[in-house]
Amino acid sequence: LIHGDIKSANILLDSYLEPKIGDFGLAREGPLQQYTHVKVSRVHGTRPYLPDEFLRAKKFSTKVDTYSFGIVLFELATGLRAYDDYRKHKFLKDHVLSVEENQVCEILRDTRGG
């Protein structure tokens, strides 16, 4: 099963503070075992959480969910949103990748969104 819309808003906490994935409205069965992806005609999901390769080639696979979860981890590590109109690099992935190697600790410490 491929969720197709992993994002912070779809990760909920139960009464024991255990995370649960919600909103399976875009979920699809994965490819048959001998295939690596399913070709789709339309792209669904939340743009800041989708890999560029999926947006271009429209090949739906478990890699889409893996990438999306990586963006959620970036959000947790930095305290920043996946998309922000006020940043130079609007998408969090691009913002993180634009940081110089010697500034990585700064982006992880700065949770003010700057």
Protein backbone atom coordinates (compact mmCIF):
# COMPACT_ATOMS: atom_id res chain seq x y z
CA LEU A 1 0.00 0.00 0.00
CA ILE A 2 1.30 3.43 -0.93
CA HIS A 3 -0.20 6.27 1.14
CA GLY A 4 0.57 9.03 -1.35
CA ASP A 5 0.12 11.98 1.03
CA ILE A 6 2.47 11.55 3.98
CA LYS A 7 2.79 14.95 5.66
CA SER A 8 2.84 16.40 9.16
CA ALA A 9 -0.91 17.09 9.11
CA ASN A 10 -1.60 13.40 8.40
CA ILE A 11 0.45 12.07 11.31
CA LEU A 12 -1.78 12.00 14.37
CA LEU A 13 -1.08 11.09 17.99
CA ASP A 14 -3.29 8.65 19.87
CA SER A 15 -4.07 8.87 23.59
CA TYR A 16 -0.69 7.24 24.36
CA LEU A 17 1.11 9.77 22.12
CA GLU A 18 1.85 7.04 19.58
CA PRO A 19 1.92 8.39 16.01
CA LYS A 20 -0.70 7.07 13.59
CA ILE A 21 -0.94 7.83 9.90
CA GLY A 22 -4.33 9.14 8.81
CA ASP A 23 -6.12 10.24 5.63
CA PHE A 24 -5.82 7.32 3.28
CA GLY A 25 -7.91 9.06 0.60
CA LEU A 26 -5.06 9.00 -1.94
CA ALA A 27 -3.71 5.55 -0.98
CA ARG A 28 -3.29 2.98 -3.72
CA GLU A 29 -2.13 -0.56 -3.99
CA GLY A 30 1.53 -0.74 -4.84
CA PRO A 31 2.91 -2.29 -8.01
CA LEU A 32 2.91 -6.03 -8.52
CA GLN A 33 6.01 -7.70 -7.16
CA GLN A 34 7.82 -7.81 -10.50
CA TYR A 35 7.41 -4.03 -11.04
CA THR A 36 8.96 -1.08 -9.22
CA HIS A 37 6.24 1.50 -9.78
CA VAL A 38 2.77 2.24 -11.09
CA LYS A 39 2.41 4.84 -13.85
CA VAL A 40 -0.29 7.41 -13.01
CA SER A 41 -1.95 9.96 -15.26
CA ARG A 42 -2.46 12.62 -12.57
CA VAL A 43 -0.31 13.68 -9.65
CA HIS A 44 -2.06 13.82 -6.29
CA GLY A 45 -0.62 14.71 -2.91
CA THR A 46 0.81 17.80 -1.26
CA ARG A 47 3.47 19.46 -3.42
CA PRO A 48 6.14 20.29 -0.77
CA TYR A 49 6.16 16.62 0.27
CA LEU A 50 6.44 15.12 -3.23
CA PRO A 51 9.72 14.26 -4.98
CA ASP A 52 10.49 16.09 -8.21
CA GLU A 53 10.98 12.75 -10.01
CA PHE A 54 7.38 11.76 -9.24
CA LEU A 55 6.05 15.12 -10.43
CA ARG A 56 7.94 14.77 -13.73
CA ALA A 57 7.65 11.07 -14.53
CA LYS A 58 4.41 10.26 -12.65
CA LYS A 59 5.84 6.95 -11.43
CA PHE A 60 4.03 6.11 -8.19
CA SER A 61 6.02 3.87 -5.82
CA THR A 62 6.89 3.44 -2.16
CA LYS A 63 9.71 5.92 -2.80
CA VAL A 64 7.10 8.71 -2.82
CA ASP A 65 6.15 7.90 0.80
CA THR A 66 9.81 7.53 1.80
CA TYR A 67 10.66 10.96 0.37
CA SER A 68 7.60 12.53 2.02
CA PHE A 69 8.57 11.10 5.40
CA GLY A 70 12.06 12.56 4.90
CA ILE A 71 10.50 16.01 4.52
CA VAL A 72 8.55 15.42 7.75
CA LEU A 73 11.87 14.59 9.45
CA PHE A 74 13.37 17.84 8.07
CA GLU A 75 10.41 19.68 9.62
CA LEU A 76 11.00 18.01 12.97
CA ALA A 77 14.75 18.64 12.91
CA THR A 78 14.54 22.29 11.88
CA GLY A 79 11.20 23.45 13.27
CA LEU A 80 10.45 24.88 9.80
CA ARG A 81 7.46 24.29 7.52
CA ALA A 82 7.73 22.23 4.34
CA TYR A 83 6.78 25.34 2.36
CA ASP A 84 7.15 29.00 3.28
CA ASP A 85 6.48 31.91 0.91
CA TYR A 86 8.73 34.16 2.99
CA ARG A 87 11.90 32.07 2.65
CA LYS A 88 14.36 32.60 -0.18
CA HIS A 89 14.09 28.87 -0.91
CA LYS A 90 10.37 28.27 -0.48
CA PHE A 91 10.54 24.47 -0.30
CA LEU A 92 12.20 23.13 2.86
CA LYS A 93 14.29 20.60 0.91
CA ASP A 94 15.81 23.41 -1.16
CA HIS A 95 16.31 25.54 1.96
CA VAL A 96 18.16 22.73 3.76
CA LEU A 97 20.27 21.91 0.68
CA SER A 98 21.22 25.58 0.28
CA VAL A 99 22.81 25.70 3.73
CA GLU A 100 26.59 25.67 3.73
CA GLU A 101 28.17 22.67 5.43
CA ASN A 102 29.50 24.80 8.29
CA GLN A 103 25.99 26.20 8.93
CA VAL A 104 24.14 22.91 9.39
CA CYS A 105 24.19 23.22 13.18
CA GLU A 106 22.72 26.72 12.89
CA ILE A 107 19.70 25.59 10.88
CA LEU A 108 19.06 22.81 13.38
CA ARG A 109 19.28 25.26 16.30
CA ASP A 110 17.28 28.07 14.70
CA THR A 111 13.63 27.12 15.17
CA ARG A 112 12.32 30.63 14.54
CA GLY A 113 11.69 29.87 10.88
CA GLY A 114 14.46 32.08 9.53
